């Protein structure tokens, strides 16, 4: 359980993790809407 203890000490979600997930989610959401528009328009 060394990794779990280390993660608990450092903190599970930091500023970098939130920024990373946000920046990765923006293109994913745009591609999903683009694929839906190709099917229905």
N, C-alpha and C. Protein backbone atom coordinates (compact mmCIF):
# COMPACT_ATOMS: atom_id res chain seq x y z
N UNK A 1 0.82 -1.20 0.00
CA UNK A 1 0.00 0.00 0.00
C UNK A 1 0.86 1.26 0.00
N UNK A 2 2.06 1.18 -0.47
CA UNK A 2 2.94 2.35 -0.46
C UNK A 2 2.43 3.42 -1.42
N UNK A 3 1.90 3.00 -2.58
CA UNK A 3 1.41 3.98 -3.54
C UNK A 3 0.17 4.68 -3.02
N UNK A 4 -0.73 3.95 -2.37
CA UNK A 4 -1.94 4.55 -1.80
C UNK A 4 -1.59 5.56 -0.72
N UNK A 5 -0.60 5.22 0.10
CA UNK A 5 -0.16 6.16 1.14
C UNK A 5 0.47 7.41 0.54
N UNK A 6 1.26 7.21 -0.50
CA UNK A 6 1.89 8.35 -1.18
C UNK A 6 0.85 9.25 -1.82
N UNK A 7 -0.15 8.63 -2.46
CA UNK A 7 -1.20 9.41 -3.10
C UNK A 7 -2.03 10.17 -2.07
N UNK A 8 -2.25 9.56 -0.94
CA UNK A 8 -2.99 10.24 0.12
C UNK A 8 -2.21 11.41 0.69
N UNK A 9 -0.90 11.27 0.77
CA UNK A 9 -0.06 12.33 1.31
C UNK A 9 0.05 13.50 0.33
N UNK A 10 0.20 13.20 -0.95
CA UNK A 10 0.36 14.24 -1.96
C UNK A 10 -0.97 14.92 -2.27
N UNK A 11 -2.02 14.13 -2.30
CA UNK A 11 -3.33 14.64 -2.66
C UNK A 11 -3.77 14.00 -3.97
N UNK A 12 -5.02 13.61 -4.04
CA UNK A 12 -5.47 12.83 -5.19
C UNK A 12 -5.65 13.69 -6.44
N UNK A 13 -6.24 14.84 -6.32
CA UNK A 13 -6.43 15.70 -7.50
C UNK A 13 -5.81 17.06 -7.25
N UNK A 14 -4.85 17.38 -8.06
CA UNK A 14 -4.20 18.68 -7.95
C UNK A 14 -4.59 19.57 -9.11
N UNK A 15 -3.95 20.71 -9.17
CA UNK A 15 -4.26 21.67 -10.22
C UNK A 15 -3.88 21.13 -11.60
N UNK A 16 -2.76 20.40 -11.68
CA UNK A 16 -2.33 19.86 -12.96
C UNK A 16 -3.29 18.80 -13.47
N UNK A 17 -3.80 17.94 -12.59
CA UNK A 17 -4.72 16.90 -13.01
C UNK A 17 -6.02 17.49 -13.52
N UNK A 18 -6.54 18.50 -12.85
CA UNK A 18 -7.78 19.14 -13.29
C UNK A 18 -7.57 19.83 -14.63
N UNK A 19 -6.46 20.52 -14.79
CA UNK A 19 -6.16 21.19 -16.05
C UNK A 19 -5.98 20.18 -17.18
N UNK A 20 -5.30 19.09 -16.90
CA UNK A 20 -5.05 18.06 -17.90
C UNK A 20 -6.35 17.42 -18.38
N UNK A 21 -7.23 17.07 -17.45
CA UNK A 21 -8.51 16.46 -17.82
C UNK A 21 -9.38 17.45 -18.58
N UNK A 22 -9.36 18.71 -18.18
CA UNK A 22 -10.15 19.73 -18.88
C UNK A 22 -9.66 19.93 -20.30
N UNK A 23 -8.35 20.04 -20.47
CA UNK A 23 -7.81 20.25 -21.81
C UNK A 23 -7.99 19.03 -22.70
N UNK A 24 -8.03 17.85 -22.13
CA UNK A 24 -8.29 16.65 -22.94
C UNK A 24 -9.77 16.47 -23.25
N UNK A 25 -10.65 16.99 -22.41
CA UNK A 25 -12.08 16.81 -22.61
C UNK A 25 -12.63 17.72 -23.71
N UNK A 26 -12.04 18.89 -23.89
CA UNK A 26 -12.55 19.84 -24.88
C UNK A 26 -12.52 19.25 -26.29
N UNK A 27 -11.40 18.71 -26.79
CA UNK A 27 -11.42 18.13 -28.14
C UNK A 27 -12.31 16.89 -28.24
N UNK A 28 -12.40 16.12 -27.17
CA UNK A 28 -13.25 14.93 -27.20
C UNK A 28 -14.71 15.34 -27.37
N UNK A 29 -15.16 16.35 -26.65
CA UNK A 29 -16.54 16.81 -26.78
C UNK A 29 -16.80 17.42 -28.15
N UNK A 30 -15.82 18.13 -28.70
CA UNK A 30 -15.99 18.71 -30.03
C UNK A 30 -16.07 17.62 -31.10
N UNK A 31 -15.26 16.58 -30.97
CA UNK A 31 -15.31 15.50 -31.95
C UNK A 31 -16.62 14.72 -31.85
N UNK A 32 -17.14 14.55 -30.66
CA UNK A 32 -18.42 13.85 -30.50
C UNK A 32 -19.54 14.62 -31.17
N UNK A 33 -19.59 15.93 -30.98
CA UNK A 33 -20.64 16.72 -31.63
C UNK A 33 -20.43 16.77 -33.13
N UNK A 34 -19.20 16.78 -33.59
CA UNK A 34 -18.91 16.78 -35.02
C UNK A 34 -19.39 15.47 -35.66
N UNK A 35 -19.16 14.35 -34.99
CA UNK A 35 -19.63 13.07 -35.51
C UNK A 35 -21.14 12.99 -35.55
N UNK A 36 -21.82 13.54 -34.55
CA UNK A 36 -23.28 13.55 -34.56
C UNK A 36 -23.82 14.43 -35.68
N UNK A 37 -23.18 15.57 -35.93
CA UNK A 37 -23.63 16.45 -37.00
C UNK A 37 -23.46 15.79 -38.36
N UNK A 38 -22.42 15.00 -38.55
CA UNK A 38 -22.24 14.32 -39.82
C UNK A 38 -23.34 13.29 -40.06
N UNK A 39 -23.87 12.71 -39.01
CA UNK A 39 -24.92 11.71 -39.17
C UNK A 39 -26.28 12.33 -39.45
N UNK A 40 -26.56 13.50 -38.89
CA UNK A 40 -27.91 14.04 -38.95
C UNK A 40 -28.06 15.24 -39.87
N UNK A 41 -26.99 15.79 -40.39
CA UNK A 41 -27.12 16.96 -41.28
C UNK A 41 -26.68 16.58 -42.66
